[in-house]
Amino acid sequence: LEYKEILVFFIVVICVWWLIAYMNYFNAFMIVRDYINQYKGNDGKYKKGLLFGAGVIPALLAVLVLICGPSEMTSNAINGITLIITVLTALFFTIIGLVAELKVKIQESENSAADKKILNRLCVFIFQADMFEIVVCILLLIACFCYMLGIMETLWLQFVIYYLSFVVIINIFILMKRLYVVLEQLLK
């Protein structure tokens, strides 16, 4: 390891420690915990297949890209990822307002009480997945900036960028499916 990488590692560790120890405002662990809890079944156990799809598949895809793709990320690739993630982050913030509006529409709908309960729970899931996407996008932007600015141009950071990119893509499908179910019920 070069001195620059060791210095960056220690600065990141100190910053993370400070954020965890003293700043509840920056604590995103609750968001991640709530998102992961969505993968629990009715029996309280995690659905391993879903966790595998949401966590391991993006890692396998990232490794595949590292093995089969170019040896180094180009500045065009990083700029493209940064631009797309910035736009998606804005979209995810917009979805928060949509979820709040959906909750009102559900209460006003003519669906049965049981259907309203299910739709409200889906809205909570959509909100939690959306907040998770925002956290992942922010982490991805930080990783892209570190790579762009030459702070850390390691294979490990490339893996993180690819992994987080695939996590965002997979979770977009999860959000789309849940939004589709809620909107389909409300538009009947």
Protein backbone atom coordinates (compact mmCIF):
# COMPACT_ATOMS: atom_id res chain seq x y z
CA LEU A 1 0.00 0.00 0.00
CA GLU A 2 1.14 3.50 -0.75
CA TYR A 3 1.27 6.20 1.90
CA LYS A 4 -1.64 8.03 0.22
CA GLU A 5 -3.92 4.98 0.53
CA ILE A 6 -2.96 4.46 4.18
CA LEU A 7 -3.61 8.13 4.93
CA VAL A 8 -7.00 8.02 3.20
CA PHE A 9 -7.89 4.84 5.10
CA PHE A 10 -7.10 6.43 8.48
CA ILE A 11 -8.97 9.63 7.62
CA VAL A 12 -12.03 7.59 6.57
CA VAL A 13 -11.85 5.50 9.77
CA ILE A 14 -11.61 8.63 11.92
CA CYS A 15 -14.50 10.31 10.08
CA VAL A 16 -16.71 7.21 10.32
CA TRP A 17 -15.88 6.79 14.01
CA TRP A 18 -16.74 10.45 14.65
CA LEU A 19 -20.01 10.20 12.72
CA ILE A 20 -21.04 7.05 14.58
CA ALA A 21 -19.97 8.26 18.01
CA TYR A 22 -21.14 11.86 17.99
CA MET A 23 -23.46 12.66 15.14
CA ASN A 24 -26.87 10.99 15.08
CA TYR A 25 -27.80 13.26 12.19
CA PHE A 26 -25.47 11.41 9.85
CA ASN A 27 -26.40 7.92 10.99
CA ALA A 28 -27.60 6.00 7.94
CA PHE A 29 -27.36 2.59 9.60
CA MET A 30 -31.02 2.81 10.62
CA ILE A 31 -31.99 3.23 6.96
CA VAL A 32 -29.91 0.21 5.94
CA ARG A 33 -31.28 -1.86 8.83
CA ASP A 34 -34.89 -1.03 7.93
CA TYR A 35 -34.21 -1.89 4.30
CA ILE A 36 -32.65 -5.26 5.15
CA ASN A 37 -35.57 -6.04 7.48
CA GLN A 38 -37.84 -5.93 4.42
CA TYR A 39 -36.36 -9.28 3.48
CA LYS A 40 -37.85 -11.00 6.52
CA GLY A 41 -40.71 -13.40 5.99
CA ASN A 42 -43.80 -13.71 8.16
CA ASP A 43 -41.88 -16.09 10.42
CA GLY A 44 -39.26 -13.39 11.19
CA LYS A 45 -36.49 -15.18 9.30
CA TYR A 46 -34.64 -13.64 6.41
CA LYS A 47 -35.48 -14.85 2.92
CA LYS A 48 -32.06 -16.03 1.82
CA GLY A 49 -32.88 -16.04 -1.90
CA LEU A 50 -33.88 -12.38 -1.83
CA LEU A 51 -30.86 -11.39 0.24
CA PHE A 52 -28.66 -13.30 -2.21
CA GLY A 53 -30.23 -11.45 -5.12
CA ALA A 54 -29.90 -8.04 -3.48
CA GLY A 55 -26.42 -8.42 -2.00
CA VAL A 56 -24.42 -11.22 -3.59
CA ILE A 57 -25.52 -10.89 -7.23
CA PRO A 58 -24.24 -7.28 -7.46
CA ALA A 59 -20.91 -8.44 -5.99
CA LEU A 60 -20.66 -11.25 -8.55
CA LEU A 61 -21.49 -8.83 -11.38
CA ALA A 62 -18.86 -6.37 -10.09
CA VAL A 63 -16.22 -9.12 -10.02
CA LEU A 64 -17.26 -10.16 -13.53
CA VAL A 65 -16.81 -6.61 -14.82
CA LEU A 66 -13.43 -6.34 -13.11
CA ILE A 67 -12.27 -9.60 -14.68
CA CYS A 68 -13.75 -9.16 -18.17
CA GLY A 69 -13.85 -5.37 -18.45
CA PRO A 70 -11.11 -2.82 -19.02
CA SER A 71 -8.15 -2.93 -16.66
CA GLU A 72 -8.86 0.60 -15.40
CA MET A 73 -11.91 2.79 -15.32
CA THR A 74 -11.73 5.64 -17.79
CA SER A 75 -12.60 9.18 -16.84
CA ASN A 76 -15.52 8.99 -19.28
CA ALA A 77 -16.93 5.98 -17.43
CA ILE A 78 -16.60 7.69 -14.06
CA ASN A 79 -18.13 10.91 -15.42
CA GLY A 80 -21.02 8.92 -16.89
CA ILE A 81 -21.66 7.03 -13.65
CA THR A 82 -21.49 10.27 -11.66
CA LEU A 83 -23.96 12.01 -13.97
CA ILE A 84 -26.42 9.12 -13.96
CA ILE A 85 -26.23 8.68 -10.19
CA THR A 86 -26.78 12.41 -9.65
CA VAL A 87 -29.94 12.30 -11.77
CA LEU A 88 -31.15 9.13 -10.03
CA THR A 89 -30.58 10.70 -6.61
CA ALA A 90 -32.86 13.59 -7.59
CA LEU A 91 -35.42 11.06 -8.82
CA PHE A 92 -35.28 9.14 -5.55
CA PHE A 93 -35.89 12.33 -3.58
CA THR A 94 -38.92 12.97 -5.78
CA ILE A 95 -40.27 9.48 -5.03
CA ILE A 96 -40.48 10.44 -1.33
CA GLY A 97 -43.15 13.01 -2.21
CA LEU A 98 -44.93 10.47 -4.38
CA VAL A 99 -45.08 7.97 -1.52
CA ALA A 100 -46.56 10.59 0.81
CA GLU A 101 -49.20 11.37 -1.80
CA LEU A 102 -49.91 7.67 -2.32
CA LYS A 103 -50.58 7.22 1.39
CA VAL A 104 -53.27 9.91 1.21
CA LYS A 105 -54.79 8.35 -1.92
CA ILE A 106 -54.89 4.96 -0.22
CA GLN A 107 -56.87 6.37 2.71
CA GLU A 108 -59.32 8.03 0.30
CA SER A 109 -59.70 4.93 -1.88
CA GLU A 110 -62.64 2.57 -1.82
CA ASN A 111 -60.48 -0.48 -1.13
CA SER A 112 -61.25 -2.73 1.82
CA ALA A 113 -59.50 -2.18 5.15
CA ALA A 114 -57.31 -5.26 4.52
CA ASP A 115 -56.28 -3.95 1.11
CA LYS A 116 -55.53 -0.53 2.56
CA LYS A 117 -53.32 -2.14 5.21
CA ILE A 118 -51.36 -4.06 2.55
CA LEU A 119 -51.02 -0.97 0.34
CA ASN A 120 -49.88 1.15 3.29
CA ARG A 121 -47.27 -1.48 4.15
CA LEU A 122 -46.09 -1.46 0.54
CA CYS A 123 -45.75 2.32 0.73
CA VAL A 124 -43.55 1.92 3.80
CA PHE A 125 -41.44 -0.62 1.89
CA ILE A 126 -41.19 1.77 -1.07
CA PHE A 127 -40.11 4.59 1.24
CA GLN A 128 -37.49 2.42 2.96
CA ALA A 129 -36.13 1.12 -0.35
CA ASP A 130 -36.05 4.67 -1.71
CA MET A 131 -34.12 5.97 1.30
CA PHE A 132 -31.71 3.05 0.94
CA GLU A 133 -31.21 3.98 -2.72
CA ILE A 134 -30.40 7.55 -1.73
CA VAL A 135 -27.79 6.35 0.78
CA VAL A 136 -26.24 4.01 -1.81
CA CYS A 137 -26.20 6.80 -4.42
CA ILE A 138 -24.45 9.17 -2.02
CA LEU A 139 -21.84 6.52 -1.18
CA LEU A 140 -21.39 5.85 -4.89
CA LEU A 141 -20.91 9.55 -5.60
CA ILE A 142 -18.28 9.77 -2.85
CA ALA A 143 -16.49 6.73 -4.31
CA CYS A 144 -16.62 8.23 -7.82
CA PHE A 145 -15.24 11.56 -6.58
CA CYS A 146 -12.40 9.78 -4.77
CA TYR A 147 -11.55 7.95 -7.99
CA MET A 148 -11.94 11.05 -10.19
CA LEU A 149 -9.78 13.21 -7.96
CA GLY A 150 -7.07 10.55 -7.80
CA ILE A 151 -7.38 10.15 -4.04
CA MET A 152 -7.62 6.38 -4.45
CA GLU A 153 -7.37 4.61 -7.79
CA THR A 154 -7.29 1.05 -6.57
CA LEU A 155 -8.91 -2.14 -7.77
CA TRP A 156 -10.82 -2.21 -4.48
CA LEU A 157 -12.39 1.19 -5.18
CA GLN A 158 -13.31 0.08 -8.70
CA PHE A 159 -15.05 -2.95 -7.17
CA VAL A 160 -16.96 -0.68 -4.77
CA ILE A 161 -18.07 1.58 -7.63
CA TYR A 162 -19.24 -1.35 -9.75
CA TYR A 163 -20.89 -3.07 -6.78
CA LEU A 164 -22.83 0.00 -5.68
CA SER A 165 -23.84 0.68 -9.30
CA PHE A 166 -25.32 -2.82 -9.60
CA VAL A 167 -27.04 -2.46 -6.20
CA VAL A 168 -28.72 0.72 -7.46
CA ILE A 169 -29.82 -0.99 -10.69
CA ILE A 170 -31.26 -4.05 -8.93
CA ASN A 171 -33.08 -1.92 -6.37
CA ILE A 172 -34.61 0.21 -9.11
CA PHE A 173 -36.40 -2.95 -10.26
CA ILE A 174 -37.59 -3.59 -6.69
CA LEU A 175 -38.93 -0.04 -6.44
CA MET A 176 -40.62 -0.30 -9.83
CA LYS A 177 -42.38 -3.52 -8.89
CA ARG A 178 -43.70 -2.16 -5.61
CA LEU A 179 -44.80 1.12 -7.16
CA TYR A 180 -46.53 -0.82 -9.92
CA VAL A 181 -48.51 -2.91 -7.43
CA VAL A 182 -49.64 0.13 -5.42
CA LEU A 183 -50.53 2.22 -8.46
CA GLU A 184 -52.32 -0.68 -10.13
CA GLN A 185 -54.58 -1.08 -7.10
CA LEU A 186 -55.27 2.65 -6.85
CA LEU A 187 -56.04 3.05 -10.56
CA LYS A 188 -58.62 0.25 -10.68
